[in-house]
Amino acid sequence: MTSGNGLQADAFDDIRIQVVGFDEARRRAAEIIGAQFDVEFAMAERIALEFQELVRDAADRNAEARYVDRSAIGRTALVATAERTKAETDPSKLTAAINSGACEPADLDTPTDEPRYFEGLHAQPGHVAADLPTWRPDLVEDVLTNLNTSGTVLISGPSGVGKSTVMWMCARTARRVTWFRVHRLTFADVDDLCRLAEGRRPVESAPVGFLVDGVGLSDVAGWDQLVRRVAAMPYVYVVGTARVEDTFESVTLTQCARIDVSLDEQVAERIHRNLVQAGLTTQAHWREAYDQANGLTLEFTHYLTRGERLSDVLTAQVRRLVRDGADAEIQVLALTTTAHMHGVPLPIESARGALRLTDSDLRRAVARLKDEHFVAEESGALFGLHLVRSAPCPSPSTPIRHRHSVTRSHDSSRTFQPLTCRAWSSASSGTAATSTPPLSAGARPGSARRTPGLRCSRPCCTRSGRPTSYGTPGVGPTSYARRTCRRRTGHSR
């Protein structure tokens, strides 16, 4: 028996369907193609996209065709497509940015069921895959709509408001885009990133996108150059996150669609409802936590799930370090959080040399800081867990070079003192006289030597590119820039 379009009634009896995630299906296809055509994985992914186009075109033709007139894709067509793609594509374009560490394919499907997520960890794509944060559908829709029209979107707001979470949600929603997570974005990296996008030959059905978490923490010139280059590349998208104060030096703001993230009462109520349903809070109402959060989603969720403000918890932890006389831990914490504010990791060996600690003393200090969730360690470097945990305050600080290393000179591009010194200041009045503050890099334990003269090198305070004291006559900033600088360093005229 046949149907009206000539299809046999039992045509699908032997068909079996297996449901897999989109990224998993793409990975499996690339592995099979790589083995069949003896090409590297990056090239196999490119060939897989071409095969996807063949399937899509055939499906379009078959939408209204009779079964006997159906379009099919033969082996010859597949081989011809693969060989043409190999001939037209330069493999080095597909691997340079990845091999250099500038970016990697974004893993949006592997869940990270992190029990410490609500203690103030920086949002990762695995947290979204595990459905830990509350979804923000309105913001996600705004970002994706603006991405289709402008090509570049900058998600902005204060630290801890949920910018990174929204970015990962957008990437997970827009699955047709091949997303790359950018780990390093200097001016020199932009060429490799653009060659990577060009090498994948983006089309409307298979665009390419870059995700940049923390624009302005390092080299804003790299972001500006990427925005300019991508503007001339069809179907290549860029999504970035940035604190408002980190966007002032960018010269491409007018070329980006900007989405501001905030915590309002409607969102707070929805987050509270989801946490109650998940059994993660016993708070009867969201209002008290909302009033304590100062508009920060991270503070709000921490208060709901832990019953106290994150900042109070961190201050109590640092006070305990001071009371215990844990000088090594305080010094390492000061360096790590200062580096984190610059958007760079702290190499453990550099910390050991700068602080002149023995290897065993440094390892004990790092182990305690990890146990108390102050820092994380990966590939021989220390990282802060979130910028809210590494918040700066206007005090003398440990200088850190911008180029991923600790230095004892005083030529840092920006100087900060993290929460460590703030908590030390509040705790020291109630501790024994033997307690010592965090030391500057290069100072020996017990010397209590501090870096004199907090200096600012923001454009509003700089002449000819040289750092100047904020109050130097004739170098005063404009009132707008003065407010910006005071927020960053605590300076006042």
Protein backbone atom coordinates (compact mmCIF):
# COMPACT_ATOMS: atom_id res chain seq x y z
CA MET A 1 0.00 0.00 0.00
CA THR A 2 1.26 3.48 -0.85
CA SER A 3 0.24 6.95 0.27
CA GLY A 4 -0.74 9.82 -1.98
CA ASN A 5 2.87 10.89 -2.48
CA GLY A 6 4.09 7.40 -3.35
CA LEU A 7 5.55 6.58 0.06
CA GLN A 8 5.28 2.95 1.14
CA ALA A 9 3.29 2.46 4.35
CA ASP A 10 6.08 0.44 5.97
CA ALA A 11 8.90 2.72 4.79
CA PHE A 12 9.86 3.75 8.33
CA ASP A 13 9.51 0.41 10.10
CA ASP A 14 13.29 -0.18 10.26
CA ILE A 15 14.23 3.37 11.26
CA ARG A 16 15.61 3.92 14.77
CA ILE A 17 15.88 7.37 16.32
CA GLN A 18 18.50 8.34 18.90
CA VAL A 19 18.29 11.73 20.59
CA VAL A 20 21.62 13.42 21.41
CA GLY A 21 22.61 16.98 22.23
CA PHE A 22 23.42 19.30 19.33
CA ASP A 23 27.07 19.72 20.29
CA GLU A 24 27.46 15.99 20.89
CA ALA A 25 26.01 15.22 17.46
CA ARG A 26 28.34 17.72 15.84
CA ARG A 27 31.34 16.25 17.67
CA ARG A 28 30.47 12.69 16.65
CA ALA A 29 29.98 13.72 13.04
CA ALA A 30 33.36 15.46 12.98
CA GLU A 31 35.08 12.40 14.46
CA ILE A 32 33.56 10.11 11.81
CA ILE A 33 34.46 12.52 8.99
CA GLY A 34 37.99 12.96 10.34
CA ALA A 35 38.57 9.20 10.31
CA GLN A 36 37.01 8.76 6.86
CA PHE A 37 38.89 11.57 5.09
CA ASP A 38 42.05 11.57 7.24
CA VAL A 39 41.83 15.22 8.30
CA GLU A 40 42.31 17.04 11.59
CA PHE A 41 39.33 17.68 13.84
CA ALA A 42 39.08 21.38 12.93
CA MET A 43 38.91 20.55 9.22
CA ALA A 44 36.44 17.74 9.91
CA GLU A 45 34.16 20.23 11.69
CA ARG A 46 34.30 22.47 8.61
CA ILE A 47 33.40 19.57 6.31
CA ALA A 48 30.56 18.62 8.65
CA LEU A 49 29.09 22.11 8.24
CA GLU A 50 29.19 21.66 4.44
CA PHE A 51 27.45 18.29 4.78
CA GLN A 52 24.85 20.01 6.95
CA GLU A 53 24.19 22.45 4.12
CA LEU A 54 23.72 19.56 1.69
CA VAL A 55 21.18 17.94 4.01
CA ARG A 56 19.36 21.22 4.54
CA ASP A 57 19.09 21.89 0.80
CA ALA A 58 17.81 18.37 0.15
CA ALA A 59 15.24 18.70 2.93
CA ASP A 60 14.00 21.97 1.42
CA ARG A 61 13.59 20.36 -2.00
CA ASN A 62 11.79 17.36 -0.51
CA ALA A 63 9.29 19.43 1.46
CA GLU A 64 6.71 19.29 -1.33
CA ALA A 65 8.18 16.61 -3.62
CA ARG A 66 6.64 13.18 -4.15
CA TYR A 67 8.51 10.32 -2.53
CA VAL A 68 9.47 8.88 -5.91
CA ASP A 69 10.88 12.29 -6.94
CA ARG A 70 12.80 12.86 -3.72
CA SER A 71 16.28 14.36 -3.67
CA ALA A 72 19.05 12.20 -2.25
CA ILE A 73 22.66 12.76 -1.29
CA GLY A 74 24.97 10.16 -2.75
CA ARG A 75 28.46 9.16 -1.64
CA THR A 76 29.95 10.85 -4.68
CA ALA A 77 28.43 14.20 -3.67
CA LEU A 78 29.78 13.83 -0.13
CA VAL A 79 33.30 13.01 -1.29
CA ALA A 80 33.29 15.87 -3.80
CA THR A 81 32.11 18.30 -1.12
CA ALA A 82 34.77 17.13 1.33
CA GLU A 83 37.59 17.40 -1.23
CA ARG A 84 36.46 20.85 -2.35
CA THR A 85 36.33 22.06 1.26
CA LYS A 86 39.84 20.70 1.93
CA ALA A 87 41.19 22.47 -1.15
CA GLU A 88 39.55 25.81 -0.34
CA THR A 89 40.35 25.91 3.38
CA ASP A 90 43.72 26.70 4.94
CA PRO A 91 44.00 24.45 8.01
CA SER A 92 46.27 26.92 9.80
CA LYS A 93 43.43 29.44 9.84
CA LEU A 94 41.29 27.02 11.81
CA THR A 95 43.82 26.27 14.52
CA ALA A 96 46.09 29.29 15.16
CA ALA A 97 43.79 31.08 17.63
CA ILE A 98 42.99 27.83 19.45
CA ASN A 99 46.58 26.56 19.54
CA SER A 100 47.82 29.88 20.93
CA GLY A 101 45.30 29.74 23.79
CA ALA A 102 43.41 32.84 22.67
CA CYS A 103 40.12 30.91 22.48
CA GLU A 104 38.51 27.50 22.55
CA PRO A 105 35.20 26.04 21.38
CA ALA A 106 32.64 26.88 24.07
CA ASP A 107 31.37 23.84 25.95
CA LEU A 108 27.75 24.75 26.59
CA ASP A 109 26.37 21.28 27.35
CA THR A 110 28.53 19.79 30.10
CA PRO A 111 26.79 20.57 33.41
CA THR A 112 28.82 21.74 36.40
CA ASP A 113 26.71 20.85 39.42
CA GLU A 114 28.82 23.00 41.74
CA PRO A 115 27.49 22.97 45.31
CA ARG A 116 29.40 26.21 46.03
CA TYR A 117 27.77 28.11 43.17
CA PHE A 118 25.64 30.25 45.48
CA GLU A 119 28.67 31.14 47.63
CA GLY A 120 29.74 33.67 45.02
CA LEU A 121 31.48 31.82 42.19
CA HIS A 122 31.95 33.43 38.81
CA ALA A 123 29.29 32.06 36.44
CA GLN A 124 30.48 29.44 33.95
CA PRO A 125 28.63 27.81 31.03
CA GLY A 126 28.47 24.57 33.03
CA HIS A 127 26.44 26.33 35.73
CA VAL A 128 23.86 27.33 33.13
CA ALA A 129 23.87 23.81 31.66
CA ALA A 130 23.11 22.51 35.18
CA ASP A 131 20.19 24.98 35.51
CA LEU A 132 21.66 26.55 38.65
CA PRO A 133 20.89 30.22 37.87
CA THR A 134 17.40 31.51 37.23
CA TRP A 135 16.81 32.17 33.56
CA ARG A 136 16.44 35.75 32.35
CA PRO A 137 14.35 35.26 29.17
CA ASP A 138 13.71 38.98 28.60
CA LEU A 139 17.42 39.81 28.66
CA VAL A 140 18.30 36.81 26.52
CA GLU A 141 15.75 37.89 23.91
CA ASP A 142 17.08 41.47 23.97
CA VAL A 143 20.66 40.30 23.46
CA LEU A 144 19.85 37.93 20.59
CA THR A 145 17.60 40.48 18.87
CA ASN A 146 20.32 43.12 19.00
CA LEU A 147 22.92 40.58 17.91
CA ASN A 148 20.96 39.93 14.71
CA THR A 149 20.83 43.64 13.89
CA SER A 150 24.22 44.97 15.06
CA GLY A 151 26.47 41.89 15.20
CA THR A 152 28.08 42.96 18.50
CA VAL A 153 26.46 43.21 21.92
CA LEU A 154 28.03 44.43 25.16
CA ILE A 155 26.29 43.28 28.35
CA SER A 156 27.06 45.77 31.10
CA GLY A 157 26.39 46.26 34.80
CA PRO A 158 28.15 46.15 38.18
CA SER A 159 30.11 43.13 39.38
CA GLY A 160 27.82 40.41 40.69
CA VAL A 161 24.67 41.50 38.87
CA GLY A 162 24.63 38.48 36.51
CA LYS A 163 26.26 39.67 33.27
CA SER A 164 28.23 36.48 32.64
CA THR A 165 25.19 34.35 33.41
CA VAL A 166 23.14 36.19 30.79
CA MET A 167 25.92 35.78 28.21
CA TRP A 168 26.14 32.00 28.74
CA MET A 169 22.35 31.77 28.58
CA CYS A 170 22.36 33.56 25.24
CA ALA A 171 25.02 31.25 23.83
CA ARG A 172 23.14 28.18 25.03
CA THR A 173 19.93 29.50 23.43
CA ALA A 174 21.48 30.37 20.04
CA ARG A 175 22.62 26.82 19.23
CA ARG A 176 22.97 27.31 15.50
CA VAL A 177 25.97 29.59 16.18
CA THR A 178 29.37 27.96 16.59
CA TRP A 179 30.57 29.76 19.71
CA PHE A 180 34.19 30.26 20.75
CA ARG A 181 35.10 31.32 24.27
CA VAL A 182 37.83 33.97 24.20
CA HIS A 183 40.40 33.58 26.97
CA ARG A 184 42.85 36.22 25.79
CA LEU A 185 42.07 39.28 23.67
CA THR A 186 45.05 41.45 22.83
CA PHE A 187 45.45 43.52 19.70
CA ALA A 188 47.75 40.81 18.29
CA ASP A 189 45.15 38.05 18.86
CA VAL A 190 42.49 39.66 16.68
CA ASP A 191 44.01 38.53 13.36
CA ASP A 192 44.01 34.88 14.46
CA LEU A 193 40.44 35.14 15.75
CA CYS A 194 39.22 36.64 12.49
CA ARG A 195 41.09 34.02 10.44
CA LEU A 196 39.39 31.36 12.57
CA ALA A 197 35.97 32.83 11.76
CA GLU A 198 36.77 33.21 8.06
CA GLY A 199 38.12 29.66 7.88
CA ARG A 200 34.80 28.27 9.06
CA ARG A 201 33.06 30.10 6.21
CA PRO A 202 30.10 31.39 8.25
CA VAL A 203 26.72 31.49 6.57
CA GLU A 204 23.25 32.43 7.74
CA SER A 205 22.45 28.89 8.82
CA ALA A 206 25.82 28.37 10.54
CA PRO A 207 27.20 31.64 11.98
CA VAL A 208 30.32 31.96 14.14
CA GLY A 209 30.38 33.82 17.45
CA PHE A 210 32.94 34.94 20.04
CA LEU A 211 32.19 35.22 23.78
CA VAL A 212 34.35 37.69 25.73
CA ASP A 213 33.79 37.65 29.49
CA GLY A 214 35.32 40.70 31.15
CA VAL A 215 35.92 43.36 28.51
CA GLY A 216 38.19 46.09 29.88
CA LEU A 217 39.84 43.96 32.56
CA SER A 218 42.87 43.62 30.32
CA ASP A 219 43.49 45.13 26.88
CA VAL A 220 40.47 47.13 25.75
CA ALA A 221 42.29 47.88 22.48
CA GLY A 222 41.90 44.22 21.54
CA TRP A 223 38.14 44.42 22.04
CA ASP A 224 37.91 47.59 19.94
CA GLN A 225 39.90 46.02 17.12
CA LEU A 226 37.76 42.87 17.17
CA VAL A 227 34.57 44.94 17.01
CA ARG A 228 35.90 46.88 14.00
CA ARG A 229 36.98 43.77 12.13
CA VAL A 230 33.83 41.77 12.79
CA ALA A 231 31.66 44.63 11.56
CA ALA A 232 32.80 43.78 8.02
CA MET A 233 32.31 40.00 8.41
CA PRO A 234 28.77 38.70 7.68
CA TYR A 235 27.39 36.14 10.13
CA VAL A 236 30.16 36.62 12.68
CA TYR A 237 28.92 37.75 16.10
CA VAL A 238 30.59 39.04 19.27
CA VAL A 239 29.08 39.13 22.76
CA GLY A 240 31.01 40.67 25.65
CA THR A 241 30.44 41.49 29.31
CA ALA A 242 31.85 44.53 31.08
CA ARG A 243 31.47 46.58 34.21
CA VAL A 244 30.23 50.06 33.37
CA GLU A 245 33.43 51.70 34.60
CA ASP A 246 35.54 49.44 32.37
CA THR A 247 33.83 50.67 29.19
CA PHE A 248 34.92 54.31 29.39
CA GLU A 249 38.18 53.72 27.49
CA SER A 250 36.52 51.82 24.64
CA VAL A 251 36.23 53.78 21.40
CA THR A 252 33.72 51.39 19.78
CA LEU A 253 30.79 51.75 22.18
CA THR A 254 28.67 53.37 19.47
CA GLN A 255 29.22 50.32 17.27
CA CYS A 256 27.88 47.92 19.91
CA ALA A 257 24.37 47.32 21.11
CA ARG A 258 24.47 47.71 24.88
CA ILE A 259 22.27 45.71 27.24
CA ASP A 260 22.23 46.72 30.91
CA VAL A 261 21.65 44.01 33.50
CA SER A 262 20.01 44.86 36.81
CA LEU A 263 18.19 43.15 39.66
CA ASP A 264 14.64 44.45 39.97
CA GLU A 265 11.82 43.26 42.20
CA GLN A 266 10.19 41.13 39.52
CA VAL A 267 13.41 39.24 38.86
CA ALA A 268 14.10 38.92 42.61
CA GLU A 269 10.68 37.37 43.17
CA ARG A 270 11.24 34.87 40.35
CA ILE A 271 14.68 33.89 41.67
CA HIS A 272 13.26 33.39 45.16
CA ARG A 273 10.43 31.25 43.82
CA ASN A 274 12.83 29.02 41.89
CA LEU A 275 15.14 28.61 44.89
CA VAL A 276 12.19 27.65 47.09
CA GLN A 277 11.03 25.07 44.56
CA ALA A 278 14.56 23.64 44.38
CA GLY A 279 14.75 23.46 48.19
CA LEU A 280 17.76 25.81 48.28
CA THR A 281 16.31 28.44 50.60
CA THR A 282 14.13 28.54 53.70
CA GLN A 283 13.57 32.29 53.49
CA ALA A 284 9.83 32.94 53.53
CA HIS A 285 10.07 36.10 51.43
CA TRP A 286 12.55 37.73 49.10
CA ARG A 287 12.22 41.33 50.32
CA GLU A 288 14.83 41.29 53.10
CA ALA A 289 17.44 39.69 50.86
CA TYR A 290 16.60 42.17 48.10
CA ASP A 291 17.09 45.13 50.44
CA GLN A 292 20.45 43.72 51.59
CA ALA A 293 21.73 42.96 48.09
CA ASN A 294 22.37 46.52 46.86
CA GLY A 295 21.10 45.52 43.43
CA LEU A 296 23.54 42.60 43.01
CA THR A 297 22.12 39.24 41.99
CA LEU A 298 25.10 37.43 43.50
CA GLU A 299 24.55 39.05 46.91
CA PHE A 300 20.81 38.39 46.69
CA THR A 301 21.14 34.66 45.97
CA HIS A 302 23.87 34.27 48.59
CA TYR A 303 21.68 35.87 51.25
CA LEU A 304 18.72 33.67 50.31
CA THR A 305 20.72 30.44 50.32
CA ARG A 306 23.12 31.18 53.20
CA GLY A 307 21.21 33.67 55.34
CA GLU A 308 23.96 36.30 55.36
CA ARG A 309 25.63 38.74 53.02
CA LEU A 310 28.62 37.54 51.02
CA SER A 311 30.66 40.60 51.96
CA ASP A 312 30.08 39.90 55.67
CA VAL A 313 31.20 36.30 55.22
CA LEU A 314 34.38 37.31 53.41
CA THR A 315 35.22 39.96 55.99
CA ALA A 316 34.79 37.44 58.81
CA GLN A 317 37.06 34.98 57.00
CA VAL A 318 39.80 37.55 56.53
CA ARG A 319 39.51 38.65 60.15
CA ARG A 320 40.07 35.05 61.14
CA LEU A 321 43.25 34.98 59.05
CA VAL A 322 44.44 38.12 60.84
CA ARG A 323 43.66 36.74 64.29
CA ASP A 324 45.51 33.53 63.44
CA GLY A 325 48.58 35.49 62.38
CA ALA A 326 48.38 33.91 58.92
CA ASP A 327 50.72 36.42 57.26
CA ALA A 328 51.58 34.16 54.33
CA GLU A 329 47.91 33.52 53.53
CA ILE A 330 47.10 37.23 53.68
CA GLN A 331 50.01 38.13 51.40
CA VAL A 332 49.09 35.47 48.83
CA LEU A 333 45.44 36.52 48.97
CA ALA A 334 46.35 40.17 48.45
CA LEU A 335 48.42 39.35 45.37
CA THR A 336 45.81 36.98 43.92
CA THR A 337 42.86 39.33 44.27
CA THR A 338 44.90 42.27 42.95
CA ALA A 339 45.88 40.23 39.88
CA HIS A 340 42.24 39.20 39.48
CA MET A 341 41.18 42.86 39.34
CA HIS A 342 43.61 43.24 36.44
CA GLY A 343 42.04 40.27 34.67
CA VAL A 344 45.14 38.07 34.88
CA PRO A 345 46.06 34.91 36.81
CA LEU A 346 48.82 34.91 39.40
CA PRO A 347 51.59 32.39 38.62
CA ILE A 348 52.43 30.55 41.83
CA GLU A 349 56.16 30.70 41.16
CA SER A 350 55.97 34.48 40.67
CA ALA A 351 54.11 34.80 43.98
CA ARG A 352 56.74 32.71 45.76
CA GLY A 353 59.55 34.87 44.40
CA ALA A 354 57.80 38.16 45.12
CA LEU A 355 56.83 37.24 48.68
CA ARG A 356 60.09 35.35 49.39
CA LEU A 357 58.25 32.44 50.89
CA THR A 358 59.58 28.90 51.01
CA ASP A 359 57.84 26.39 48.80
CA SER A 360 56.31 24.61 51.79
CA ASP A 361 55.05 27.86 53.36
CA LEU A 362 53.51 28.92 50.05
CA ARG A 363 51.85 25.55 49.52
CA ARG A 364 50.36 25.56 53.01
CA ALA A 365 49.02 29.09 52.45
CA VAL A 366 47.52 28.20 49.07
CA ALA A 367 45.94 25.03 50.48
CA ARG A 368 44.21 26.98 53.25
CA LEU A 369 42.98 29.68 50.87
CA LYS A 370 41.54 27.01 48.55
CA ASP A 371 39.90 25.19 51.46
CA GLU A 372 38.22 28.43 52.56
CA HIS A 373 37.11 29.20 48.97
CA PHE A 374 39.18 32.36 48.60
CA VAL A 375 41.06 31.27 45.46
CA ALA A 376 41.17 28.56 42.82
CA GLU A 377 44.26 26.94 41.32
CA GLU A 378 44.73 25.77 37.75
CA SER A 379 47.82 25.05 35.63
CA GLY A 380 50.22 26.51 38.17
CA ALA A 381 48.33 29.78 38.64
CA LEU A 382 45.91 31.24 41.19
CA PHE A 383 42.61 32.90 40.32
CA GLY A 384 39.99 34.87 42.21
CA LEU A 385 36.55 33.29 42.28
CA HIS A 386 34.60 36.44 41.44
CA LEU A 387 35.30 40.17 41.11
CA VAL A 388 32.95 40.84 44.02
CA ARG A 389 35.29 38.75 46.17
CA SER A 390 38.26 40.72 44.84
CA ALA A 391 36.66 44.16 45.23
CA PRO A 392 39.18 47.01 45.43
CA CYS A 393 39.42 49.64 48.14
CA PRO A 394 41.41 52.90 48.32
CA SER A 395 44.50 51.74 50.18
CA PRO A 396 48.17 51.24 49.34
CA SER A 397 48.51 48.13 47.22
CA THR A 398 50.74 45.51 45.74
CA PRO A 399 51.92 46.55 42.27
CA ILE A 400 51.35 44.04 39.53
CA ARG A 401 52.52 44.21 35.96
CA HIS A 402 49.88 43.90 33.29
CA ARG A 403 51.84 41.13 31.55
CA HIS A 404 50.80 38.18 33.69
CA SER A 405 53.63 38.42 36.21
CA VAL A 406 54.32 39.89 39.61
CA THR A 407 56.91 42.63 39.88
CA ARG A 408 58.43 44.63 42.72
CA SER A 409 58.74 47.84 40.71
CA HIS A 410 56.23 50.67 40.88
CA ASP A 411 55.28 50.94 37.21
CA SER A 412 51.95 49.08 37.28
CA SER A 413 49.23 50.34 35.00
CA ARG A 414 46.69 50.28 37.84
CA THR A 415 47.03 49.61 41.55
CA PHE A 416 44.36 48.20 43.80
CA GLN A 417 44.07 46.84 47.29
CA PRO A 418 41.51 44.05 47.59
CA LEU A 419 39.03 43.24 50.30
CA THR A 420 41.88 41.71 52.30
CA CYS A 421 43.22 45.09 53.38
CA ARG A 422 39.77 46.47 54.08
CA ALA A 423 39.00 43.57 56.38
CA TRP A 424 42.47 43.81 57.94
CA SER A 425 41.89 47.49 58.69
CA SER A 426 38.60 46.76 60.45
CA ALA A 427 40.01 43.78 62.30
CA SER A 428 43.38 45.16 63.35
CA SER A 429 41.95 47.48 65.98
CA GLY A 430 40.63 44.48 67.88
CA THR A 431 43.66 42.21 67.50
CA ALA A 432 47.00 41.96 69.22
CA ALA A 433 49.76 44.35 68.33
CA THR A 434 51.67 41.52 66.71
CA SER A 435 49.19 41.35 63.82
CA THR A 436 50.67 42.75 60.62
CA PRO A 437 48.97 44.01 57.48
CA PRO A 438 49.52 42.48 54.04
CA LEU A 439 52.99 43.28 52.75
CA SER A 440 53.92 44.80 49.45
CA ALA A 441 55.57 42.53 46.90
CA GLY A 442 59.19 42.22 47.89
CA ALA A 443 58.65 43.00 51.57
CA ARG A 444 59.82 40.35 54.01
CA PRO A 445 57.39 38.97 56.56
CA GLY A 446 57.41 41.15 59.62
CA SER A 447 58.68 44.30 57.92
CA ALA A 448 55.19 45.74 57.42
CA ARG A 449 56.56 47.87 54.57
CA ARG A 450 53.89 49.49 52.42
CA THR A 451 53.95 50.97 48.98
CA PRO A 452 54.01 54.77 49.44
CA GLY A 453 51.86 57.12 47.43
CA LEU A 454 48.79 55.59 45.81
CA ARG A 455 48.93 56.65 42.20
CA CYS A 456 46.47 56.54 39.38
CA SER A 457 47.21 56.13 35.68
CA ARG A 458 43.69 56.54 34.33
CA PRO A 459 43.53 58.82 31.27
CA CYS A 460 41.92 61.53 33.37
CA CYS A 461 45.00 61.61 35.65
CA THR A 462 47.73 61.07 33.10
CA ARG A 463 49.86 63.38 31.04
CA SER A 464 52.11 61.92 28.31
CA GLY A 465 51.24 58.45 29.53
CA ARG A 466 53.09 58.79 32.85
CA PRO A 467 51.35 58.08 36.16
CA THR A 468 50.84 61.21 38.22
CA SER A 469 49.51 61.85 41.69
CA TYR A 470 45.86 62.73 41.50
CA GLY A 471 46.22 66.05 43.22
CA THR A 472 49.10 67.35 41.11
CA PRO A 473 48.37 70.96 40.07
CA GLY A 474 47.47 71.30 36.43
CA VAL A 475 46.70 67.63 35.91
CA GLY A 476 43.19 67.54 37.31
CA PRO A 477 40.56 65.55 35.42
CA THR A 478 37.18 66.66 34.27
CA SER A 479 34.34 66.32 36.76
CA TYR A 480 33.01 63.23 34.94
CA ALA A 481 36.39 61.55 34.85
CA ARG A 482 37.04 62.65 38.44
CA ARG A 483 34.00 60.72 39.62
CA THR A 484 35.19 57.67 37.67
CA CYS A 485 38.68 57.85 39.11
CA ARG A 486 37.43 58.32 42.67
CA ARG A 487 35.31 55.16 42.36
CA ARG A 488 38.36 53.22 41.23
CA THR A 489 41.02 54.49 43.60
CA GLY A 490 39.37 56.55 46.30
CA HIS A 491 41.19 59.70 45.20
CA SER A 492 39.74 63.11 45.81
CA ARG A 493 41.04 66.51 44.92
